[in-house]
Protein backbone atom coordinates (compact mmCIF):
# COMPACT_ATOMS: atom_id res chain seq x y z
CA MET A 1 0.04 -0.03 -0.04
CA PRO A 2 1.15 3.34 -0.71
CA GLN A 3 2.68 5.46 1.90
CA ASP A 4 1.66 8.95 2.51
CA PRO A 5 4.30 11.60 1.96
CA PRO A 6 5.69 12.91 5.18
CA GLU A 7 4.32 16.20 6.72
CA VAL A 8 6.00 19.35 6.72
CA LEU A 9 4.92 22.64 8.53
CA VAL A 10 6.88 25.49 7.15
CA VAL A 11 6.74 28.58 9.48
CA ASP A 12 7.91 32.02 8.46
CA ASP A 13 6.78 35.36 8.45
CA GLU A 14 8.01 36.23 5.40
CA SER A 15 5.21 34.82 3.24
CA ARG A 16 7.09 34.54 0.22
CA LEU A 17 9.83 32.84 1.47
CA ALA A 18 7.70 30.28 3.25
CA ASP A 19 5.55 29.85 0.06
CA LEU A 20 9.08 29.29 -1.60
CA PHE A 21 10.06 26.40 0.89
CA ALA A 22 6.72 25.01 0.45
CA ALA A 23 7.03 25.05 -3.26
CA TRP A 24 10.73 23.51 -3.04
CA LEU A 25 9.26 20.45 -0.93
CA GLY A 26 6.00 20.03 -2.32
CA SER A 27 6.98 17.38 -4.81
CA GLU A 28 8.20 14.90 -2.28
CA TRP A 29 6.30 16.00 1.03
CA SER A 30 2.77 16.88 2.20
CA VAL A 31 3.30 20.70 3.15
CA GLU A 32 1.51 23.14 5.17
CA THR A 33 2.56 26.83 5.79
CA ALA A 34 1.98 29.23 8.69
CA TYR A 35 3.15 32.75 8.56
CA ASP A 36 2.81 33.25 12.22
CA GLY A 37 3.85 31.33 15.49
CA GLU A 38 0.02 31.22 16.69
CA THR A 39 -0.77 29.75 13.17
CA ALA A 40 1.80 27.14 13.55
CA LEU A 41 0.80 26.01 17.05
CA ASP A 42 -3.14 25.58 15.30
CA LEU A 43 -1.74 23.42 12.84
CA MET A 44 0.88 21.15 14.94
CA SER A 45 -0.58 17.82 15.06
CA ASP A 46 0.91 14.12 15.62
CA SER A 47 1.34 13.90 11.81
CA VAL A 48 3.65 16.76 11.44
CA GLU A 49 7.11 14.82 11.00
CA ILE A 50 9.22 18.22 10.29
CA VAL A 51 8.94 21.78 11.31
CA LEU A 52 11.10 24.45 9.60
CA LEU A 53 10.67 27.14 11.99
CA ASP A 54 12.00 30.81 11.47
CA ARG A 55 13.47 32.39 14.59
CA ARG A 56 12.59 35.94 14.32
CA MET A 57 9.06 36.39 13.95
CA PRO A 58 6.69 39.04 15.09
CA GLY A 59 4.14 38.07 18.15
CA LEU A 60 5.19 34.54 18.83
CA SER A 61 8.54 33.94 17.94
CA GLY A 62 10.27 30.66 16.54
CA ASP A 63 12.07 30.22 20.08
CA GLU A 64 8.68 30.40 21.83
CA VAL A 65 7.11 27.98 18.95
CA LEU A 66 9.64 25.54 19.49
CA GLN A 67 9.31 25.69 23.18
CA ARG A 68 5.65 25.19 23.01
CA ILE A 69 5.68 22.07 20.39
CA ARG A 70 8.28 20.30 22.58
CA GLU A 71 6.25 20.96 25.82
CA ALA A 72 3.05 19.83 23.97
CA GLY A 73 5.08 16.30 23.57
CA TYR A 74 5.13 16.67 19.76
CA ASP A 75 7.63 13.74 18.23
CA CYS A 76 8.79 15.88 15.27
CA ARG A 77 12.14 16.94 13.66
CA VAL A 78 12.30 20.71 14.18
CA ILE A 79 14.79 22.70 11.77
CA MET A 80 15.64 26.48 12.50
CA VAL A 81 15.75 28.15 9.22
CA THR A 82 16.67 31.58 10.05
CA ALA A 83 18.62 34.82 9.35
CA VAL A 84 19.76 34.78 13.36
CA ASP A 85 23.30 33.76 13.44
CA PRO A 86 23.70 30.96 16.04
CA ASP A 87 24.90 31.77 19.40
CA PHE A 88 25.43 29.84 22.68
CA ASP A 89 21.74 30.43 23.48
CA ILE A 90 21.03 27.39 21.02
CA ILE A 91 22.75 24.83 23.50
CA GLU A 92 19.68 24.45 25.41
CA MET A 93 17.42 24.83 22.29
CA GLY A 94 15.32 21.56 21.36
CA PHE A 95 15.64 21.88 17.83
CA ASP A 96 17.23 19.13 15.47
CA ASP A 97 19.23 21.02 12.80
CA TYR A 98 19.79 24.85 12.21
CA LEU A 99 20.29 26.66 8.62
CA VAL A 100 21.19 30.19 8.12
CA LYS A 101 19.51 31.99 5.63
CA PRO A 102 19.98 32.30 2.71
CA VAL A 103 19.43 28.70 2.07
CA SER A 104 19.51 27.07 -1.34
CA LYS A 105 17.05 24.74 -2.61
CA GLU A 106 19.35 21.94 -2.36
CA ASP A 107 20.51 22.42 1.25
CA LEU A 108 16.98 22.60 2.31
CA LEU A 109 16.01 19.27 0.72
CA ASP A 110 18.87 17.93 2.07
CA VAL A 111 18.32 18.69 5.71
CA ALA A 112 14.91 17.62 4.88
CA ASP A 113 15.87 14.51 3.75
CA ARG A 114 18.38 13.78 6.42
CA MET A 115 15.59 14.25 9.30
CA ALA A 116 13.12 12.10 7.70
CA THR A 117 16.01 9.25 7.56
CA ARG A 118 16.87 9.79 11.22
CA SER A 119 13.23 9.64 12.38
CA GLU A 120 12.64 6.34 9.98
CA TYR A 121 15.62 5.00 11.72
CA ALA A 122 14.87 5.71 14.78
CA GLU A 123 11.21 3.98 14.41
CA VAL A 124 12.79 0.78 13.05
CA THR A 125 15.60 0.38 15.44
CA GLN A 126 13.06 0.83 18.31
CA ARG A 127 10.92 -2.04 16.56
CA TYR A 128 13.95 -4.11 16.06
CA TYR A 129 15.10 -3.95 19.69
CA ALA A 130 11.83 -4.63 20.94
CA LEU A 131 11.48 -7.77 18.98
CA SER A 132 15.09 -8.80 19.87
CA SER A 133 14.46 -8.48 23.58
CA LYS A 134 11.40 -10.62 23.27
CA LYS A 135 13.36 -13.33 21.21
CA ALA A 136 16.10 -13.35 23.70
CA LEU A 137 13.92 -13.60 26.82
CA LEU A 138 12.05 -16.74 24.78
CA GLU A 139 15.79 -18.28 24.20
CA SER A 140 16.58 -17.84 27.69
CA GLU A 141 13.62 -19.42 29.48
CA LYS A 142 12.21 -22.14 26.72
CA SER A 143 13.97 -25.11 25.79
CA GLU A 144 15.67 -25.61 22.17
CA ARG A 145 12.91 -28.08 21.45
CA ASP A 146 10.14 -25.79 22.47
CA LEU A 147 11.46 -22.88 20.41
CA ALA A 148 11.79 -25.54 17.42
CA ASN A 149 8.07 -26.40 17.81
CA SER A 150 7.07 -22.96 18.30
CA GLU A 151 5.46 -21.18 14.84
CA GLU A 152 5.34 -18.03 17.05
CA TYR A 153 8.75 -18.25 17.70
CA ARG A 154 10.04 -18.74 14.22
CA ASP A 155 7.53 -16.07 12.97
CA LEU A 156 9.48 -13.71 15.51
CA CYS A 157 12.70 -14.79 14.32
CA GLU A 158 11.76 -13.92 10.51
CA ARG A 159 10.39 -10.45 11.87
CA THR A 160 13.34 -9.75 13.61
CA GLU A 161 15.56 -10.58 11.00
CA GLU A 162 13.46 -8.55 8.25
CA LEU A 163 13.83 -5.46 10.57
CA GLU A 164 17.63 -5.98 11.09
CA LYS A 165 17.65 -5.76 7.15
CA GLU A 166 15.37 -2.80 7.26
CA VAL A 167 18.00 -0.98 10.24
CA ASP A 168 21.08 -2.07 8.11
CA GLU A 169 19.59 -0.54 4.98
CA THR A 170 18.46 2.83 6.84
CA MET A 171 21.88 3.10 8.45
CA SER A 172 23.58 3.01 4.87
CA GLY A 173 21.13 5.64 3.90
CA LEU A 174 22.23 7.65 6.73
CA SER A 175 26.06 6.65 5.52
CA ASP A 176 25.54 9.55 2.87
CA HIS A 177 25.38 11.99 5.90
CA ASP A 178 28.94 11.45 7.27
CA ASP A 179 28.43 14.06 10.00
CA PHE A 180 25.62 12.24 11.59
CA VAL A 181 27.02 8.69 11.14
CA GLY A 182 30.43 9.73 12.64
CA ALA A 183 28.40 11.14 15.71
CA PHE A 184 26.16 8.18 15.56
CA GLN A 185 29.35 6.19 15.91
CA ASP A 186 31.14 8.00 18.57
CA LEU A 187 28.33 7.51 20.88
CA GLN A 188 28.25 3.81 20.42
CA ASP A 189 32.16 3.53 21.22
CA GLU A 190 31.57 5.52 24.44
């Protein structure tokens, strides 16, 4: 069954720029635009996977929108796309990436793809580890004979193998983004 395109919310008070970003993303993504922070929050839902968010907007700033998105518990990737040069205040902010305007179409599409791949990797990895832990638990508690005679266990093994391949494929997709893979490998080595 065909998968719906990922949902992106573009938030920028410069409507022409927001519309341009939406047009760039529109071929691969389902895109909504908001020209202020309040509208952005009204459009937020669990189906939004990526938010492109300007920091400096009249009324509710991008920083405040980001804080409310995180407080509301939305599990989405947030990319700050702004003319504000980063400073030390970004350390405690809950965004996933930061682009300084002007932004090229290639850079915008690249970071959006990277965020979608990270989300996919996290989801697949979580499912894989859940099944792997169930498999390990059964293997520690059941006899080899019981395992060999269990259709449920064989199905679990097949699903675990399929997810392992999917994790590997997704990880190889991330290898195009050496910065993330390097950071991920550094975390694994700690």
